Amino acid sequence: MKKNIDDLTVQSFGDEWSRFDQSAMGEEEARKIFQDYFSVFPWDALPAGASGFDMGCGSGRWATLVAPRVGHLHCIDPSSAIDVARSRLSAVGNVSLHQASVDDGVLPAGSQDFGYSLGVLHHVPDTAQAIRSCVAMLKPGAPFLVYLYYAMDNRGAAFRLAWQCSDHVRRLVQRLPPAPKHLVTDTIALLVYYPLARTSMLLEALGYDVSNVPLSYYRSRSWYTMRTDSRDRFGTPLEQRFTRDQVEGMMVAAGLVDIRFSDNAPYWCAVGVKR
């Protein structure tokens, strides 16, 4: 059976996390972004000593905040980023690291009390199958949190047009060798992300609603985070986007019920419970 993985994308993320190991992200900013992702996650429903997984852990930036809340956390990633995570989590005793893809079956079926995958499963060829593989590792009643790039389905036509233009740029930039790719994505962060983010910050301070300004999500984010996300957004070979209905459909097909979406950016972030 062909693996549900894109080798060039895996290599790209290995390079990305080696350059942006997230050690320069401030603790306050990390906690704010973490809350953006986990705002719908049912922490109180987890059993004592819960064991779960972080699928596509990358640098381990979210694992550092999840591990203190649970019994054990399995960090899974197919790329060389697993070495970045291993170094970052070396002092954390309740974490296991696995260099594996989503369909490698690294954990037994029906064995986990929770799972999450943030900004990862839209970078595999078959996202629906990847969600099914994650849910298969959960016990009945266990929650699964997923963040997938949205298809701008809650935005206007101008917003969607801006994204379509940016996607043409991504298709060119992702072909570059690592060093020039890094230079180009940093330049995009400087000339696009930073001006729009700081303009949004100013407009918000003046009392304007900036929710429809592209990249306004970054108005309170650091320059380091803008560089990281520019590299992520424009340097990755395989990217897919989904409407809210499509995300919900894939979650239902995987056997999840009681699905709830976050009403706030980043979109779409949703949690469901295994039937």
Protein backbone atom coordinates (compact mmCIF):
# COMPACT_ATOMS: atom_id res chain seq x y z
CA MET A 1 0.00 0.00 0.00
CA LYS A 2 1.34 3.43 -0.93
CA LYS A 3 2.24 5.52 2.10
CA ASN A 4 0.13 8.57 2.85
CA ILE A 5 3.11 10.90 2.80
CA ASP A 6 4.80 13.37 0.46
CA ASP A 7 8.56 12.97 0.69
CA LEU A 8 9.40 16.49 -0.52
CA THR A 9 7.06 17.99 2.07
CA VAL A 10 8.62 15.88 4.81
CA GLN A 11 12.09 17.08 3.77
CA SER A 12 10.85 20.67 3.68
CA PHE A 13 9.54 20.48 7.23
CA GLY A 14 12.77 18.89 8.44
CA ASP A 15 14.59 21.94 7.08
CA GLU A 16 12.00 24.38 8.43
CA TRP A 17 12.12 23.15 12.01
CA SER A 18 15.91 22.96 12.01
CA ARG A 19 15.95 26.68 11.12
CA PHE A 20 13.02 27.62 13.36
CA ASP A 21 13.27 25.41 16.42
CA GLN A 22 10.92 27.83 18.24
CA SER A 23 13.42 28.45 21.02
CA ALA A 24 13.15 32.17 20.19
CA MET A 25 9.38 32.27 20.69
CA GLY A 26 8.49 34.00 23.94
CA GLU A 27 6.58 32.03 26.55
CA GLU A 28 3.64 34.46 26.62
CA GLU A 29 3.20 34.35 22.85
CA ALA A 30 3.49 30.54 22.84
CA ARG A 31 0.75 30.27 25.46
CA LYS A 32 -1.54 32.63 23.54
CA ILE A 33 -1.17 30.65 20.30
CA PHE A 34 -1.57 27.40 22.23
CA GLN A 35 -4.87 28.71 23.62
CA ASP A 36 -5.99 29.63 20.10
CA TYR A 37 -5.59 26.00 19.08
CA PHE A 38 -6.81 24.30 22.25
CA SER A 39 -9.74 26.59 23.13
CA VAL A 40 -12.25 23.84 22.27
CA PHE A 41 -10.26 20.93 23.71
CA PRO A 42 -12.04 19.18 26.63
CA TRP A 43 -9.16 19.02 29.12
CA ASP A 44 -11.55 18.28 31.99
CA ALA A 45 -12.86 15.17 30.24
CA LEU A 46 -9.46 13.44 30.15
CA PRO A 47 -8.94 10.58 32.62
CA ALA A 48 -6.25 10.86 35.28
CA GLY A 49 -2.85 9.98 33.84
CA ALA A 50 -4.17 10.23 30.28
CA SER A 51 -1.96 8.94 27.46
CA GLY A 52 -2.20 10.57 24.05
CA PHE A 53 -0.36 11.62 20.92
CA ASP A 54 0.83 14.69 19.03
CA MET A 55 0.68 13.72 15.34
CA GLY A 56 3.22 15.76 13.36
CA CYS A 57 4.87 17.23 16.44
CA GLY A 58 7.48 19.22 14.47
CA SER A 59 9.76 21.04 16.87
CA GLY A 60 7.71 19.87 19.87
CA ARG A 61 6.55 23.43 20.63
CA TRP A 62 3.01 22.37 21.63
CA ALA A 63 4.16 19.16 23.32
CA THR A 64 6.05 21.24 25.89
CA LEU A 65 2.71 22.74 26.95
CA VAL A 66 0.63 19.55 26.74
CA ALA A 67 3.01 17.18 28.56
CA PRO A 68 2.61 18.84 32.00
CA ARG A 69 -1.18 18.35 31.77
CA VAL A 70 -1.23 14.62 30.94
CA GLY A 71 0.20 11.27 32.02
CA HIS A 72 2.12 10.48 28.85
CA LEU A 73 2.51 12.06 25.43
CA HIS A 74 3.68 10.31 22.25
CA CYS A 75 5.26 12.78 19.82
CA ILE A 76 5.15 11.47 16.24
CA ASP A 77 6.75 13.05 13.18
CA PRO A 78 8.16 11.54 9.97
CA SER A 79 10.79 14.22 9.35
CA SER A 80 14.18 15.05 10.86
CA ALA A 81 12.29 17.59 12.98
CA ILE A 82 11.92 14.73 15.45
CA ASP A 83 15.56 15.40 16.43
CA VAL A 84 14.67 19.04 17.17
CA ALA A 85 11.76 17.84 19.31
CA ARG A 86 13.98 15.28 21.06
CA SER A 87 16.44 17.99 22.05
CA ARG A 88 13.68 20.38 23.13
CA LEU A 89 11.91 17.72 25.23
CA SER A 90 15.02 16.05 26.63
CA ALA A 91 14.20 17.13 30.18
CA VAL A 92 10.54 16.08 29.97
CA GLY A 93 10.09 12.64 31.51
CA ASN A 94 6.61 11.70 30.27
CA VAL A 95 7.23 12.00 26.53
CA SER A 96 8.11 9.35 23.94
CA LEU A 97 9.31 10.30 20.47
CA HIS A 98 8.63 8.32 17.30
CA GLN A 99 9.96 9.07 13.82
CA ALA A 100 7.02 7.72 11.85
CA SER A 101 4.24 8.76 9.49
CA VAL A 102 0.55 8.95 10.29
CA ASP A 103 -0.22 5.54 8.82
CA ASP A 104 2.71 3.62 10.32
CA GLY A 105 0.55 2.35 13.19
CA VAL A 106 3.19 3.32 15.73
CA LEU A 107 0.62 3.07 18.56
CA PRO A 108 -1.85 0.18 19.03
CA ALA A 109 -5.41 0.68 17.82
CA GLY A 110 -7.81 1.83 20.54
CA SER A 111 -5.01 2.59 23.01
CA GLN A 112 -5.01 6.39 23.48
CA ASP A 113 -7.05 8.70 25.70
CA PHE A 114 -6.65 11.74 23.41
CA GLY A 115 -4.88 12.94 20.29
CA TYR A 116 -4.23 16.12 18.37
CA SER A 117 -2.71 17.19 15.08
CA LEU A 118 -2.19 20.89 14.44
CA GLY A 119 -1.38 22.25 11.01
CA VAL A 120 -0.15 18.91 9.69
CA LEU A 121 -2.77 16.75 8.00
CA HIS A 122 -3.37 19.23 5.15
CA HIS A 123 0.21 18.45 4.10
CA VAL A 124 -0.42 14.75 3.35
CA PRO A 125 -1.91 13.36 0.11
CA ASP A 126 -5.04 11.88 1.71
CA THR A 127 -6.19 14.00 4.64
CA ALA A 128 -9.37 11.99 5.23
CA GLN A 129 -7.36 8.76 5.53
CA ALA A 130 -4.90 10.49 7.88
CA ILE A 131 -7.73 11.52 10.19
CA ARG A 132 -9.05 7.95 10.15
CA SER A 133 -5.58 6.67 11.07
CA CYS A 134 -5.40 9.08 14.02
CA VAL A 135 -8.88 8.21 15.27
CA ALA A 136 -8.10 4.50 15.02
CA MET A 137 -5.52 4.92 17.80
CA LEU A 138 -8.10 6.40 20.19
CA LYS A 139 -10.20 4.64 22.80
CA PRO A 140 -13.98 5.09 22.48
CA GLY A 141 -14.93 8.43 24.05
CA ALA A 142 -11.46 9.93 23.51
CA PRO A 143 -11.20 13.42 21.95
CA PHE A 144 -9.24 14.30 18.81
CA LEU A 145 -8.32 17.91 18.04
CA VAL A 146 -7.37 18.90 14.51
CA TYR A 147 -6.37 22.15 12.83
CA LEU A 148 -6.60 22.21 9.02
CA TYR A 149 -6.04 25.13 6.67
CA TYR A 150 -9.36 26.67 5.73
CA ALA A 151 -10.59 27.26 2.18
CA MET A 152 -11.57 30.87 2.95
CA ASP A 153 -15.20 29.70 2.98
CA ASN A 154 -16.03 32.22 5.72
CA ARG A 155 -14.38 35.08 3.78
CA GLY A 156 -15.37 37.41 0.97
CA ALA A 157 -14.35 37.21 -2.68
CA ALA A 158 -11.46 39.68 -2.31
CA PHE A 159 -9.96 37.65 0.50
CA ARG A 160 -10.19 34.45 -1.53
CA LEU A 161 -8.64 36.17 -4.55
CA ALA A 162 -5.70 37.33 -2.41
CA TRP A 163 -5.18 33.76 -1.27
CA GLN A 164 -5.31 32.42 -4.83
CA CYS A 165 -2.60 34.89 -5.83
CA SER A 166 -0.46 33.90 -2.85
CA ASP A 167 -0.85 30.23 -3.75
CA HIS A 168 0.67 30.86 -7.18
CA VAL A 169 3.66 32.38 -5.38
CA ARG A 170 3.87 29.35 -3.08
CA ARG A 171 3.97 26.98 -6.03
CA LEU A 172 7.07 28.80 -7.32
CA VAL A 173 8.84 29.35 -3.97
CA GLN A 174 8.46 25.74 -2.79
CA ARG A 175 10.59 24.59 -5.74
CA LEU A 176 13.65 26.52 -4.56
CA PRO A 177 16.62 24.90 -2.78
CA PRO A 178 16.57 25.36 1.01
CA ALA A 179 18.83 28.43 1.31
CA PRO A 180 17.16 30.64 -1.33
CA LYS A 181 13.74 29.40 -0.20
CA HIS A 182 14.59 30.60 3.30
CA LEU A 183 15.71 33.98 1.95
CA VAL A 184 12.54 34.43 -0.14
CA THR A 185 10.15 33.48 2.67
CA ASP A 186 11.94 35.85 5.04
CA THR A 187 11.54 38.58 2.42
CA ILE A 188 7.81 37.82 2.15
CA ALA A 189 7.57 38.06 5.94
CA LEU A 190 9.28 41.46 5.83
CA LEU A 191 7.38 42.95 2.89
CA VAL A 192 3.94 41.37 3.35
CA TYR A 193 3.38 39.87 6.81
CA TYR A 194 4.99 42.61 8.89
CA PRO A 195 3.36 45.66 7.23
CA LEU A 196 -0.14 44.10 7.20
CA ALA A 197 0.21 42.83 10.77
CA ARG A 198 1.43 46.12 12.22
CA THR A 199 -1.11 48.14 10.20
CA SER A 200 -3.82 45.90 11.66
CA MET A 201 -2.45 46.53 15.14
CA LEU A 202 -2.61 50.29 14.56
CA LEU A 203 -6.11 50.18 13.11
CA GLU A 204 -7.33 48.05 16.01
CA ALA A 205 -5.85 50.55 18.47
CA LEU A 206 -7.83 53.25 16.66
CA GLY A 207 -11.03 51.28 17.15
CA TYR A 208 -11.44 49.65 13.75
CA ASP A 209 -12.54 46.06 13.14
CA VAL A 210 -9.56 44.39 11.46
CA SER A 211 -10.96 40.87 11.20
CA ASN A 212 -11.20 41.16 7.40
CA VAL A 213 -7.67 42.51 6.93
CA PRO A 214 -5.43 39.76 5.49
CA LEU A 215 -2.85 38.54 8.01
CA SER A 216 -4.44 40.56 10.82
CA TYR A 217 -4.06 37.40 12.94
CA TYR A 218 -0.37 38.35 13.20
CA ARG A 219 -1.02 41.84 14.60
CA SER A 220 0.08 40.73 18.07
CA ARG A 221 2.56 38.12 16.91
CA SER A 222 6.32 38.45 16.92
CA TRP A 223 8.59 38.90 13.95
CA TYR A 224 9.94 35.39 14.65
CA THR A 225 6.47 33.86 14.33
CA MET A 226 5.85 35.76 11.09
CA ARG A 227 9.10 34.39 9.65
CA THR A 228 8.20 30.86 10.77
CA ASP A 229 4.73 30.99 9.28
CA SER A 230 5.91 32.61 6.05
CA ARG A 231 8.34 29.70 5.65
CA ASP A 232 5.54 27.26 6.46
CA ARG A 233 3.03 28.88 4.14
CA PHE A 234 5.20 29.57 1.10
CA GLY A 235 7.90 26.91 1.37
CA THR A 236 5.81 23.75 1.65
CA PRO A 237 5.35 21.65 -1.51
CA LEU A 238 2.00 20.03 -0.65
CA GLU A 239 -0.81 22.11 0.79
CA GLN A 240 -4.52 21.38 0.81
CA ARG A 241 -7.41 23.52 2.06
CA PHE A 242 -10.86 22.55 3.24
CA THR A 243 -14.20 24.13 3.94
CA ARG A 244 -15.77 23.78 7.36
CA ASP A 245 -18.28 21.29 5.93
CA GLN A 246 -15.47 19.22 4.42
CA VAL A 247 -13.58 19.12 7.72
CA GLU A 248 -16.71 18.06 9.57
CA GLY A 249 -17.45 15.43 6.92
CA MET A 250 -13.97 13.89 7.26
CA MET A 251 -14.26 13.85 11.04
CA VAL A 252 -17.66 12.15 10.93
CA ALA A 253 -16.41 9.59 8.40
CA ALA A 254 -13.51 8.81 10.76
CA GLY A 255 -15.94 7.94 13.54
CA LEU A 256 -15.98 11.19 15.52
CA VAL A 257 -19.13 12.63 17.09
CA ASP A 258 -19.95 15.72 19.17
CA ILE A 259 -17.85 17.83 16.81
CA ARG A 260 -17.23 21.44 17.86
CA PHE A 261 -15.44 24.16 15.90
CA SER A 262 -13.58 27.11 17.32
CA ASP A 263 -15.25 30.39 16.32
CA ASN A 264 -11.93 32.21 16.28
CA ALA A 265 -8.81 32.16 14.08
CA PRO A 266 -6.93 30.14 13.10
CA TYR A 267 -9.51 28.32 10.96
CA TRP A 268 -10.53 25.47 10.97
CA CYS A 269 -9.81 24.16 14.41
CA ALA A 270 -12.21 21.46 15.60
CA VAL A 271 -12.51 18.68 18.15
CA GLY A 272 -14.56 15.50 18.08
CA VAL A 273 -15.01 12.47 20.30
CA LYS A 274 -14.54 8.91 19.07
CA ARG A 275 -17.85 7.08 18.90
